[in-house]
């Protein structure tokens, strides 16, 4: 949704939202609907290089998970192999979460 306003009006809206700790969209939505938006958990402050590295691992994990699911559905993966791969994926996911937690920047 778009609407037109002057630069001065936009500055007032931006300041009013900031004063409430909201984005402009959230504040305008709240004013229009009368319903307060639920507060989201703030995104963790993490080194961007770490996020990039972890996302690369995440992509690889996603490919492995897809292979596992496809092989299991086709009946070409033995259950024991599938369980080992699934357990390894869970372990990798936990380790990546630990790494991210260790590298969080102070808020």
PDB file of N, CA and C in Angstrom:
ATOM      1  N   UNK A   1       0.849  -1.158   0.000  1.00  0.00           N
ATOM      2  CA  UNK A   1       0.000   0.000   0.000  1.00  0.00           C
ATOM      3  C   UNK A   1       0.900   1.228   0.000  1.00  0.00           C
ATOM      4  N   UNK A   2       0.544   2.184  -0.780  1.00  0.00           N
ATOM      5  CA  UNK A   2       1.318   3.415  -0.857  1.00  0.00           C
ATOM      6  C   UNK A   2       0.381   4.604  -0.662  1.00  0.00           C
ATOM      7  N   UNK A   3       0.909   5.651  -0.099  1.00  0.00           N
ATOM      8  CA  UNK A   3       0.155   6.898  -0.042  1.00  0.00           C
ATOM      9  C   UNK A   3       1.153   8.047  -0.101  1.00  0.00           C
ATOM     10  N   UNK A   4       0.637   9.197  -0.493  1.00  0.00           N
ATOM     11  CA  UNK A   4       1.495  10.359  -0.659  1.00  0.00           C
ATOM     12  C   UNK A   4       1.395  11.260   0.551  1.00  0.00           C
ATOM     13  N   UNK A   5       2.550  11.813   0.925  1.00  0.00           N
ATOM     14  CA  UNK A   5       2.602  12.799   1.991  1.00  0.00           C
ATOM     15  C   UNK A   5       3.816  13.684   1.721  1.00  0.00           C
ATOM     16  N   UNK A   6       3.840  14.809   2.366  1.00  0.00           N
ATOM     17  CA  UNK A   6       4.962  15.728   2.180  1.00  0.00           C
ATOM     18  C   UNK A   6       6.186  15.203   2.932  1.00  0.00           C
ATOM     19  N   UNK A   7       7.314  15.764   2.643  1.00  0.00           N
ATOM     20  CA  UNK A   7       8.554  15.396   3.341  1.00  0.00           C
ATOM     21  C   UNK A   7       8.433  15.682   4.833  1.00  0.00           C
ATOM     22  N   UNK A   8       7.786  16.797   5.169  1.00  0.00           N
ATOM     23  CA  UNK A   8       7.606  17.147   6.581  1.00  0.00           C
ATOM     24  C   UNK A   8       6.698  16.134   7.284  1.00  0.00           C
ATOM     25  N   UNK A   9       5.613  15.740   6.599  1.00  0.00           N
ATOM     26  CA  UNK A   9       4.707  14.747   7.182  1.00  0.00           C
ATOM     27  C   UNK A   9       5.417  13.403   7.366  1.00  0.00           C
ATOM     28  N   UNK A  10       6.223  13.037   6.391  1.00  0.00           N
ATOM     29  CA  UNK A  10       6.959  11.778   6.485  1.00  0.00           C
ATOM     30  C   UNK A  10       7.921  11.808   7.672  1.00  0.00           C
ATOM     31  N   UNK A  11       8.576  12.942   7.865  1.00  0.00           N
ATOM     32  CA  UNK A  11       9.491  13.081   9.000  1.00  0.00           C
ATOM     33  C   UNK A  11       8.737  12.956  10.324  1.00  0.00           C
ATOM     34  N   UNK A  12       7.539  13.544  10.389  1.00  0.00           N
ATOM     35  CA  UNK A  12       6.730  13.442  11.612  1.00  0.00           C
ATOM     36  C   UNK A  12       6.304  12.000  11.868  1.00  0.00           C
ATOM     37  N   UNK A  13       5.894  11.305  10.810  1.00  0.00           N
ATOM     38  CA  UNK A  13       5.487   9.903  10.949  1.00  0.00           C
ATOM     39  C   UNK A  13       6.671   9.058  11.397  1.00  0.00           C
ATOM     40  N   UNK A  14       7.820   9.281  10.773  1.00  0.00           N
ATOM     41  CA  UNK A  14       9.033   8.522  11.129  1.00  0.00           C
ATOM     42  C   UNK A  14       9.388   8.755  12.593  1.00  0.00           C
ATOM     43  N   UNK A  15       9.319  10.002  13.047  1.00  0.00           N
ATOM     44  CA  UNK A  15       9.662  10.323  14.436  1.00  0.00           C
ATOM     45  C   UNK A  15       8.651   9.719  15.405  1.00  0.00           C
ATOM     46  N   UNK A  16       7.367   9.777  15.052  1.00  0.00           N
ATOM     47  CA  UNK A  16       6.337   9.197  15.923  1.00  0.00           C
ATOM     48  C   UNK A  16       6.536   7.688  16.055  1.00  0.00           C
ATOM     49  N   UNK A  17       6.882   7.038  14.963  1.00  0.00           N
ATOM     50  CA  UNK A  17       7.133   5.590  15.011  1.00  0.00           C
ATOM     51  C   UNK A  17       8.357   5.288  15.872  1.00  0.00           C
ATOM     52  N   UNK A  18       9.421   6.058  15.670  1.00  0.00           N
ATOM     53  CA  UNK A  18      10.642   5.845  16.453  1.00  0.00           C
ATOM     54  C   UNK A  18      10.376   6.053  17.937  1.00  0.00           C
ATOM     55  N   UNK A  19       9.580   7.060  18.268  1.00  0.00           N
ATOM     56  CA  UNK A  19       9.244   7.320  19.669  1.00  0.00           C
ATOM     57  C   UNK A  19       8.502   6.147  20.307  1.00  0.00           C
ATOM     58  N   UNK A  20       7.754   5.406  19.483  1.00  0.00           N
ATOM     59  CA  UNK A  20       7.005   4.240  19.978  1.00  0.00           C
ATOM     60  C   UNK A  20       7.815   2.948  19.867  1.00  0.00           C
ATOM     61  N   UNK A  21       9.003   3.048  19.283  1.00  0.00           N
ATOM     62  CA  UNK A  21       9.824   1.858  19.100  1.00  0.00           C
ATOM     63  C   UNK A  21       9.282   0.950  18.004  1.00  0.00           C
ATOM     64  N   UNK A  22       8.615   1.535  17.008  1.00  0.00           N
ATOM     65  CA  UNK A  22       8.016   0.774  15.926  1.00  0.00           C
ATOM     66  C   UNK A  22       8.561   1.239  14.581  1.00  0.00           C
ATOM     67  N   UNK A  23       8.413   0.380  13.580  1.00  0.00           N
ATOM     68  CA  UNK A  23       8.693   0.824  12.222  1.00  0.00           C
ATOM     69  C   UNK A  23       7.516   1.699  11.794  1.00  0.00           C
ATOM     70  N   UNK A  24       7.715   2.466  10.728  1.00  0.00           N
ATOM     71  CA  UNK A  24       6.610   3.290  10.240  1.00  0.00           C
ATOM     72  C   UNK A  24       5.436   2.401   9.825  1.00  0.00           C
ATOM     73  N   UNK A  25       5.727   1.298   9.152  1.00  0.00           N
ATOM     74  CA  UNK A  25       4.667   0.378   8.714  1.00  0.00           C
ATOM     75  C   UNK A  25       3.882  -0.159   9.899  1.00  0.00           C
ATOM     76  N   UNK A  26       4.582  -0.594  10.932  1.00  0.00           N
ATOM     77  CA  UNK A  26       3.910  -1.165  12.100  1.00  0.00           C
ATOM     78  C   UNK A  26       3.045  -0.122  12.792  1.00  0.00           C
ATOM     79  N   UNK A  27       3.547   1.098  12.914  1.00  0.00           N
ATOM     80  CA  UNK A  27       2.772   2.134  13.581  1.00  0.00           C
ATOM     81  C   UNK A  27       1.517   2.477  12.773  1.00  0.00           C
ATOM     82  N   UNK A  28       1.668   2.639  11.459  1.00  0.00           N
ATOM     83  CA  UNK A  28       0.514   2.976  10.626  1.00  0.00           C
ATOM     84  C   UNK A  28      -0.506   1.833  10.610  1.00  0.00           C
ATOM     85  N   UNK A  29      -0.030   0.595  10.586  1.00  0.00           N
ATOM     86  CA  UNK A  29      -0.931  -0.556  10.633  1.00  0.00           C
ATOM     87  C   UNK A  29      -1.699  -0.568  11.956  1.00  0.00           C
ATOM     88  N   UNK A  30      -0.992  -0.272  13.042  1.00  0.00           N
ATOM     89  CA  UNK A  30      -1.627  -0.250  14.361  1.00  0.00           C
ATOM     90  C   UNK A  30      -2.665   0.871  14.432  1.00  0.00           C
ATOM     91  N   UNK A  31      -2.348   2.023  13.895  1.00  0.00           N
ATOM     92  CA  UNK A  31      -3.299   3.135  13.915  1.00  0.00           C
ATOM     93  C   UNK A  31      -4.524   2.830  13.049  1.00  0.00           C
ATOM     94  N   UNK A  32      -4.303   2.177  11.912  1.00  0.00           N
ATOM     95  CA  UNK A  32      -5.406   1.890  10.998  1.00  0.00           C
ATOM     96  C   UNK A  32      -6.325   0.790  11.522  1.00  0.00           C
ATOM     97  N   UNK A  33      -5.756  -0.216  12.169  1.00  0.00           N
ATOM     98  CA  UNK A  33      -6.556  -1.370  12.599  1.00  0.00           C
ATOM     99  C   UNK A  33      -6.943  -1.312  14.072  1.00  0.00           C
ATOM    100  N   UNK A  34      -6.218  -0.539  14.851  1.00  0.00           N
ATOM    101  CA  UNK A  34      -6.469  -0.490  16.285  1.00  0.00           C
ATOM    102  C   UNK A  34      -5.915  -1.697  17.024  1.00  0.00           C
ATOM    103  N   UNK A  35      -5.168  -2.541  16.311  1.00  0.00           N
ATOM    104  CA  UNK A  35      -4.607  -3.749  16.906  1.00  0.00           C
ATOM    105  C   UNK A  35      -3.095  -3.579  17.031  1.00  0.00           C
ATOM    106  N   UNK A  36      -2.606  -3.753  18.239  1.00  0.00           N
ATOM    107  CA  UNK A  36      -1.166  -3.631  18.469  1.00  0.00           C
ATOM    108  C   UNK A  36      -0.459  -4.866  17.926  1.00  0.00           C
ATOM    109  N   UNK A  37       0.641  -4.632  17.256  1.00  0.00           N
ATOM    110  CA  UNK A  37       1.430  -5.735  16.713  1.00  0.00           C
ATOM    111  C   UNK A  37       2.156  -6.441  17.840  1.00  0.00           C
ATOM    112  N   UNK A  38       2.208  -7.772  17.750  1.00  0.00           N
ATOM    113  CA  UNK A  38       2.969  -8.526  18.736  1.00  0.00           C
ATOM    114  C   UNK A  38       4.445  -8.242  18.534  1.00  0.00           C
ATOM    115  N   UNK A  39       5.153  -8.091  19.617  1.00  0.00           N
ATOM    116  CA  UNK A  39       6.589  -7.835  19.545  1.00  0.00           C
ATOM    117  C   UNK A  39       7.307  -9.100  19.105  1.00  0.00           C
ATOM    118  N   UNK A  40       8.137  -8.958  18.123  1.00  0.00           N
ATOM    119  CA  UNK A  40       8.946 -10.085  17.689  1.00  0.00           C
ATOM    120  C   UNK A  40      10.223 -10.131  18.502  1.00  0.00           C
ATOM    121  N   UNK A  41      10.754 -11.308  18.616  1.00  0.00           N
ATOM    122  CA  UNK A  41      12.038 -11.458  19.271  1.00  0.00           C
ATOM    123  C   UNK A  41      13.076 -10.770  18.385  1.00  0.00           C
ATOM    124  N   UNK A  42      13.887  -9.882  18.957  1.00  0.00           N
ATOM    125  CA  UNK A  42      14.847  -9.169  18.112  1.00  0.00           C
ATOM    126  C   UNK A  42      15.868 -10.131  17.503  1.00  0.00           C
ATOM    127  N   UNK A  43      16.274  -9.819  16.294  1.00  0.00           N
ATOM    128  CA  UNK A  43      17.282 -10.638  15.622  1.00  0.00           C
ATOM    129  C   UNK A  43      18.601 -10.509  16.374  1.00  0.00           C
ATOM    130  N   UNK A  44      19.325 -11.602  16.517  1.00  0.00           N
ATOM    131  CA  UNK A  44      20.599 -11.523  17.233  1.00  0.00           C
ATOM    132  C   UNK A  44      21.610 -10.699  16.451  1.00  0.00           C
ATOM    133  N   UNK A  45      22.470 -10.030  17.170  1.00  0.00           N
ATOM    134  CA  UNK A  45      23.540  -9.255  16.550  1.00  0.00           C
ATOM    135  C   UNK A  45      24.731 -10.182  16.358  1.00  0.00           C
ATOM    136  N   UNK A  46      25.003 -10.518  15.096  1.00  0.00           N
ATOM    137  CA  UNK A  46      26.055 -11.477  14.780  1.00  0.00           C
ATOM    138  C   UNK A  46      26.929 -10.905  13.671  1.00  0.00           C
ATOM    139  N   UNK A  47      28.193 -11.275  13.681  1.00  0.00           N
ATOM    140  CA  UNK A  47      29.136 -10.852  12.653  1.00  0.00           C
ATOM    141  C   UNK A  47      28.613 -11.288  11.284  1.00  0.00           C
ATOM    142  N   UNK A  48      28.472 -10.369  10.323  1.00  0.00           N
ATOM    143  CA  UNK A  48      27.948 -10.721   9.003  1.00  0.00           C
ATOM    144  C   UNK A  48      28.755 -11.814   8.291  1.00  0.00           C
ATOM    145  N   UNK A  49      30.074 -11.840   8.481  1.00  0.00           N
ATOM    146  CA  UNK A  49      30.896 -12.886   7.858  1.00  0.00           C
ATOM    147  C   UNK A  49      30.528 -14.262   8.409  1.00  0.00           C
ATOM    148  N   UNK A  50      30.213 -14.310   9.682  1.00  0.00           N
ATOM    149  CA  UNK A  50      29.795 -15.575  10.293  1.00  0.00           C
ATOM    150  C   UNK A  50      28.455 -16.023   9.721  1.00  0.00           C
ATOM    151  N   UNK A  51      27.538 -15.088   9.569  1.00  0.00           N
ATOM    152  CA  UNK A  51      26.230 -15.419   8.995  1.00  0.00           C
ATOM    153  C   UNK A  51      26.399 -15.983   7.589  1.00  0.00           C
ATOM    154  N   UNK A  52      27.271 -15.395   6.801  1.00  0.00           N
ATOM    155  CA  UNK A  52      27.513 -15.886   5.446  1.00  0.00           C
ATOM    156  C   UNK A  52      28.056 -17.312   5.474  1.00  0.00           C
ATOM    157  N   UNK A  53      29.019 -17.562   6.350  1.00  0.00           N
ATOM    158  CA  UNK A  53      29.609 -18.899   6.446  1.00  0.00           C
ATOM    159  C   UNK A  53      28.573 -19.923   6.903  1.00  0.00           C
ATOM    160  N   UNK A  54      27.797 -19.560   7.895  1.00  0.00           N
ATOM    161  CA  UNK A  54      26.782 -20.479   8.401  1.00  0.00           C
ATOM    162  C   UNK A  54      25.716 -20.733   7.337  1.00  0.00           C
ATOM    163  N   UNK A  55      25.356 -19.704   6.570  1.00  0.00           N
ATOM    164  CA  UNK A  55      24.334 -19.895   5.539  1.00  0.00           C
ATOM    165  C   UNK A  55      24.824 -20.834   4.445  1.00  0.00           C
ATOM    166  N   UNK A  56      26.116 -20.821   4.171  1.00  0.00           N
ATOM    167  CA  UNK A  56      26.660 -21.767   3.196  1.00  0.00           C
ATOM    168  C   UNK A  56      26.513 -23.204   3.710  1.00  0.00           C
ATOM    169  N   UNK A  57      26.824 -23.404   4.970  1.00  0.00           N
ATOM    170  CA  UNK A  57      26.638 -24.730   5.564  1.00  0.00           C
ATOM    171  C   UNK A  57      25.151 -25.105   5.549  1.00  0.00           C
ATOM    172  N   UNK A  58      24.310 -24.119   5.827  1.00  0.00           N
ATOM    173  CA  UNK A  58      22.879 -24.370   5.815  1.00  0.00           C
ATOM    174  C   UNK A  58      22.396 -24.835   4.458  1.00  0.00           C
ATOM    175  N   UNK A  59      22.929 -24.233   3.393  1.00  0.00           N
ATOM    176  CA  UNK A  59      22.575 -24.663   2.045  1.00  0.00           C
ATOM    177  C   UNK A  59      22.990 -26.098   1.782  1.00  0.00           C
ATOM    178  N   UNK A  60      24.183 -26.440   2.228  1.00  0.00           N
ATOM    179  CA  UNK A  60      24.656 -27.820   2.063  1.00  0.00           C
ATOM    180  C   UNK A  60      23.801 -28.795   2.873  1.00  0.00           C
ATOM    181  N   UNK A  61      23.452 -28.402   4.086  1.00  0.00           N
ATOM    182  CA  UNK A  61      22.603 -29.251   4.917  1.00  0.00           C
ATOM    183  C   UNK A  61      21.233 -29.452   4.270  1.00  0.00           C
ATOM    184  N   UNK A  62      20.730 -28.401   3.658  1.00  0.00           N
ATOM    185  CA  UNK A  62      19.439 -28.505   2.982  1.00  0.00           C
ATOM    186  C   UNK A  62      19.511 -29.495   1.824  1.00  0.00           C
ATOM    187  N   UNK A  63      20.597 -29.464   1.068  1.00  0.00           N
ATOM    188  CA  UNK A  63      20.771 -30.412  -0.038  1.00  0.00           C
ATOM    189  C   UNK A  63      20.841 -31.850   0.481  1.00  0.00           C
ATOM    190  N   UNK A  64      21.563 -32.048   1.570  1.00  0.00           N
ATOM    191  CA  UNK A  64      21.663 -33.384   2.154  1.00  0.00           C
ATOM    192  C   UNK A  64      20.287 -33.850   2.637  1.00  0.00           C
ATOM    193  N   UNK A  65      19.553 -32.956   3.276  1.00  0.00           N
ATOM    194  CA  UNK A  65      18.220 -33.305   3.762  1.00  0.00           C
ATOM    195  C   UNK A  65      17.295 -33.688   2.607  1.00  0.00           C
ATOM    196  N   UNK A  66      17.380 -32.948   1.518  1.00  0.00           N
ATOM    197  CA  UNK A  66      16.554 -33.277   0.358  1.00  0.00           C
ATOM    198  C   UNK A  66      16.918 -34.657  -0.188  1.00  0.00           C
ATOM    199  N   UNK A  67      18.224 -34.922  -0.280  1.00  0.00           N
ATOM    200  CA  UNK A  67      18.646 -36.237  -0.765  1.00  0.00           C
ATOM    201  C   UNK A  67      18.087 -37.324   0.143  1.00  0.00           C
ATOM    202  N   UNK A  68      18.214 -37.107   1.441  1.00  0.00           N
ATOM    203  CA  UNK A  68      17.738 -38.089   2.415  1.00  0.00           C
ATOM    204  C   UNK A  68      16.251 -38.352   2.239  1.00  0.00           C
ATOM    205  N   UNK A  69      15.471 -37.290   2.134  1.00  0.00           N
ATOM    206  CA  UNK A  69      14.027 -37.444   1.970  1.00  0.00           C
ATOM    207  C   UNK A  69      13.684 -38.133   0.651  1.00  0.00           C
ATOM    208  N   UNK A  70      14.356 -37.753  -0.426  1.00  0.00           N
ATOM    209  CA  UNK A  70      14.098 -38.356  -1.732  1.00  0.00           C
ATOM    210  C   UNK A  70      14.459 -39.836  -1.727  1.00  0.00           C
ATOM    211  N   UNK A  71      15.619 -40.157  -1.183  1.00  0.00           N
ATOM    212  CA  UNK A  71      16.056 -41.555  -1.135  1.00  0.00           C
ATOM    213  C   UNK A  71      15.130 -42.391  -0.262  1.00  0.00           C
ATOM    214  N   UNK A  72      14.688 -41.818   0.842  1.00  0.00           N
ATOM    215  CA  UNK A  72      13.793 -42.555   1.737  1.00  0.00           C
ATOM    216  C   UNK A  72      12.453 -42.816   1.056  1.00  0.00           C
ATOM    217  N   UNK A  73      11.917 -41.816   0.350  1.00  0.00           N
ATOM    218  CA  UNK A  73      10.638 -41.993  -0.339  1.00  0.00           C
ATOM    219  C   UNK A  73      10.745 -43.015  -1.470  1.00  0.00           C
ATOM    220  N   UNK A  74      11.898 -43.028  -2.149  1.00  0.00           N
ATOM    221  CA  UNK A  74      12.092 -43.948  -3.272  1.00  0.00           C
ATOM    222  C   UNK A  74      12.448 -45.349  -2.803  1.00  0.00           C
ATOM    223  N   UNK A  75      12.742 -45.482  -1.521  1.00  0.00           N
ATOM    224  CA  UNK A  75      13.106 -46.793  -0.986  1.00  0.00           C
ATOM    225  C   UNK A  75      14.532 -47.184  -1.287  1.00  0.00           C
ATOM    226  N   UNK A  76      15.350 -46.220  -1.715  1.00  0.00           N
ATOM    227  CA  UNK A  76      16.737 -46.543  -2.057  1.00  0.00           C
ATOM    228  C   UNK A  76      17.712 -46.305  -0.915  1.00  0.00           C
ATOM    229  N   UNK A  77      17.228 -45.803   0.192  1.00  0.00           N
ATOM    230  CA  UNK A  77      18.095 -45.599   1.354  1.00  0.00           C
ATOM    231  C   UNK A  77      17.717 -46.617   2.421  1.00  0.00           C
ATOM    232  N   UNK A  78      18.720 -47.291   2.913  1.00  0.00           N
ATOM    233  CA  UNK A  78      18.452 -48.204   4.021  1.00  0.00           C
ATOM    234  C   UNK A  78      18.100 -47.371   5.244  1.00  0.00           C
ATOM    235  N   UNK A  79      17.247 -47.906   6.081  1.00  0.00           N
ATOM    236  CA  UNK A  79      16.804 -47.153   7.255  1.00  0.00           C
ATOM    237  C   UNK A  79      17.958 -46.802   8.168  1.00  0.00           C
ATOM    238  N   UNK A  80      18.907 -47.713   8.306  1.00  0.00           N
ATOM    239  CA  UNK A  80      20.055 -47.457   9.181  1.00  0.00           C
ATOM    240  C   UNK A  80      20.863 -46.283   8.642  1.00  0.00           C
ATOM    241  N   UNK A  81      21.095 -46.259   7.320  1.00  0.00           N
ATOM    242  CA  UNK A  81      21.830 -45.145   6.717  1.00  0.00           C
ATOM    243  C   UNK A  81      21.077 -43.833   6.903  1.00  0.00           C
ATOM    244  N   UNK A  82      19.776 -43.878   6.678  1.00  0.00           N
ATOM    245  CA  UNK A  82      18.961 -42.680   6.820  1.00  0.00           C
ATOM    246  C   UNK A  82      19.002 -42.150   8.251  1.00  0.00           C
ATOM    247  N   UNK A  83      18.955 -43.040   9.221  1.00  0.00           N
ATOM    248  CA  UNK A  83      19.013 -42.617  10.621  1.00  0.00           C
ATOM    249  C   UNK A  83      20.366 -42.005  10.954  1.00  0.00           C
ATOM    250  N   UNK A  84      21.436 -42.589  10.427  1.00  0.00           N
ATOM    251  CA  UNK A  84      22.774 -42.025  10.672  1.00  0.00           C
ATOM    252  C   UNK A  84      22.896 -40.630  10.087  1.00  0.00           C
ATOM    253  N   UNK A  85      22.431 -40.466   8.865  1.00  0.00           N
ATOM    254  CA  UNK A  85      22.501 -39.150   8.219  1.00  0.00           C
ATOM    255  C   UNK A  85      21.641 -38.150   8.975  1.00  0.00           C
ATOM    256  N   UNK A  86      20.435 -38.551   9.353  1.00  0.00           N
ATOM    257  CA  UNK A  86      19.554 -37.649  10.093  1.00  0.00           C
ATOM    258  C   UNK A  86      20.180 -37.248  11.434  1.00  0.00           C
ATOM    259  N   UNK A  87      20.783 -38.192  12.123  1.00  0.00           N
ATOM    260  CA  UNK A  87      21.433 -37.881  13.407  1.00  0.00           C
ATOM    261  C   UNK A  87      22.604 -36.926  13.191  1.00  0.00           C
ATOM    262  N   UNK A  88      23.363 -37.158  12.125  1.00  0.00           N
ATOM    263  CA  UNK A  88      24.490 -36.267  11.827  1.00  0.00           C
ATOM    264  C   UNK A  88      23.999 -34.863  11.510  1.00  0.00           C
ATOM    265  N   UNK A  89      22.893 -34.751  10.783  1.00  0.00           N
ATOM    266  CA  UNK A  89      22.337 -33.437  10.461  1.00  0.00           C
ATOM    267  C   UNK A  89      21.913 -32.694  11.720  1.00  0.00           C
ATOM    268  N   UNK A  90      21.294 -33.390  12.642  1.00  0.00           N
ATOM    269  CA  UNK A  90      20.878 -32.762  13.897  1.00  0.00           C
ATOM    270  C   UNK A  90      22.111 -32.279  14.665  1.00  0.00           C
ATOM    271  N   UNK A  91      23.146 -33.096  14.696  1.00  0.00           N
ATOM    272  CA  UNK A  91      24.379 -32.700  15.379  1.00  0.00           C
ATOM    273  C   UNK A  91      25.014 -31.475  14.748  1.00  0.00           C
ATOM    274  N   UNK A  92      25.042 -31.429  13.420  1.00  0.00           N
ATOM    275  CA  UNK A  92      25.616 -30.282  12.715  1.00  0.00           C
ATOM    276  C   UNK A  92      24.792 -29.029  12.990  1.00  0.00           C
ATOM    277  N   UNK A  93      23.478 -29.172  12.947  1.00  0.00           N
ATOM    278  CA  UNK A  93      22.607 -28.027  13.208  1.00  0.00           C
ATOM    279  C   UNK A  93      22.839 -27.476  14.613  1.00  0.00           C
ATOM    280  N   UNK A  94      22.965 -28.343  15.587  1.00  0.00           N
ATOM    281  CA  UNK A  94      23.214 -27.898  16.962  1.00  0.00           C
ATOM    282  C   UNK A  94      24.558 -27.193  17.083  1.00  0.00           C
ATOM    283  N   UNK A  95      25.564 -27.754  16.434  1.00  0.00           N
ATOM    284  CA  UNK A  95      26.903 -27.149  16.493  1.00  0.00           C
ATOM    285  C   UNK A  95      26.907 -25.766  15.839  1.00  0.00           C
ATOM    286  N   UNK A  96      26.218 -25.631  14.711  1.00  0.00           N
ATOM    287  CA  UNK A  96      26.135 -24.324  14.067  1.00  0.00           C
ATOM    288  C   UNK A  96      25.434 -23.311  14.967  1.00  0.00           C
ATOM    289  N   UNK A  97      24.384 -23.734  15.653  1.00  0.00           N
ATOM    290  CA  UNK A  97      23.689 -22.840  16.581  1.00  0.00           C
ATOM    291  C   UNK A  97      24.618 -22.409  17.716  1.00  0.00           C
ATOM    292  N   UNK A  98      25.440 -23.342  18.202  1.00  0.00           N
ATOM    293  CA  UNK A  98      26.413 -22.997  19.251  1.00  0.00           C
ATOM    294  C   UNK A  98      27.434 -21.982  18.742  1.00  0.00           C
ATOM    295  N   UNK A  99      27.901 -22.184  17.514  1.00  0.00           N
ATOM    296  CA  UNK A  99      28.884 -21.264  16.936  1.00  0.00           C
ATOM    297  C   UNK A  99      28.297 -19.872  16.812  1.00  0.00           C
ATOM    298  N   UNK A 100      27.072 -19.779  16.325  1.00  0.00           N
ATOM    299  CA  UNK A 100      26.420 -18.477  16.200  1.00  0.00           C
ATOM    300  C   UNK A 100      26.278 -17.836  17.575  1.00  0.00           C
ATOM    301  N   UNK A 101      25.867 -18.604  18.566  1.00  0.00           N
ATOM    302  CA  UNK A 101      25.689 -18.067  19.916  1.00  0.00           C
ATOM    303  C   UNK A 101      27.013 -17.548  20.482  1.00  0.00           C
ATOM    304  N   UNK A 102      28.102 -18.225  20.185  1.00  0.00           N
ATOM    305  CA  UNK A 102      29.413 -17.803  20.685  1.00  0.00           C
ATOM    306  C   UNK A 102      29.885 -16.505  20.031  1.00  0.00           C
ATOM    307  N   UNK A 103      29.398 -16.215  18.844  1.00  0.00           N
ATOM    308  CA  UNK A 103      29.874 -15.051  18.092  1.00  0.00           C
ATOM    309  C   UNK A 103      28.900 -13.885  18.091  1.00  0.00           C
ATOM    310  N   UNK A 104      27.901 -13.941  18.953  1.00  0.00           N
ATOM    311  CA  UNK A 104      26.968 -12.839  19.018  1.00  0.00           C
ATOM    312  C   UNK A 104      27.672 -11.589  19.521  1.00  0.00           C
ATOM    313  N   UNK A 105      27.305 -10.497  18.902  1.00  0.00           N
ATOM    314  CA  UNK A 105      27.816  -9.200  19.365  1.00  0.00           C
ATOM    315  C   UNK A 105      26.951  -8.732  20.530  1.00  0.00           C
ATOM    316  N   UNK A 106      27.540  -8.015  21.454  1.00  0.00           N
ATOM    317  CA  UNK A 106      26.712  -7.461  22.528  1.00  0.00           C
ATOM    318  C   UNK A 106      25.694  -6.479  21.947  1.00  0.00           C
ATOM    319  N   UNK A 107      24.480  -6.483  22.494  1.00  0.00           N
ATOM    320  CA  UNK A 107      23.408  -5.588  21.986  1.00  0.00           C
ATOM    321  C   UNK A 107      23.704  -4.148  22.313  1.00  0.00           C
TER     322      UNK A 107
END
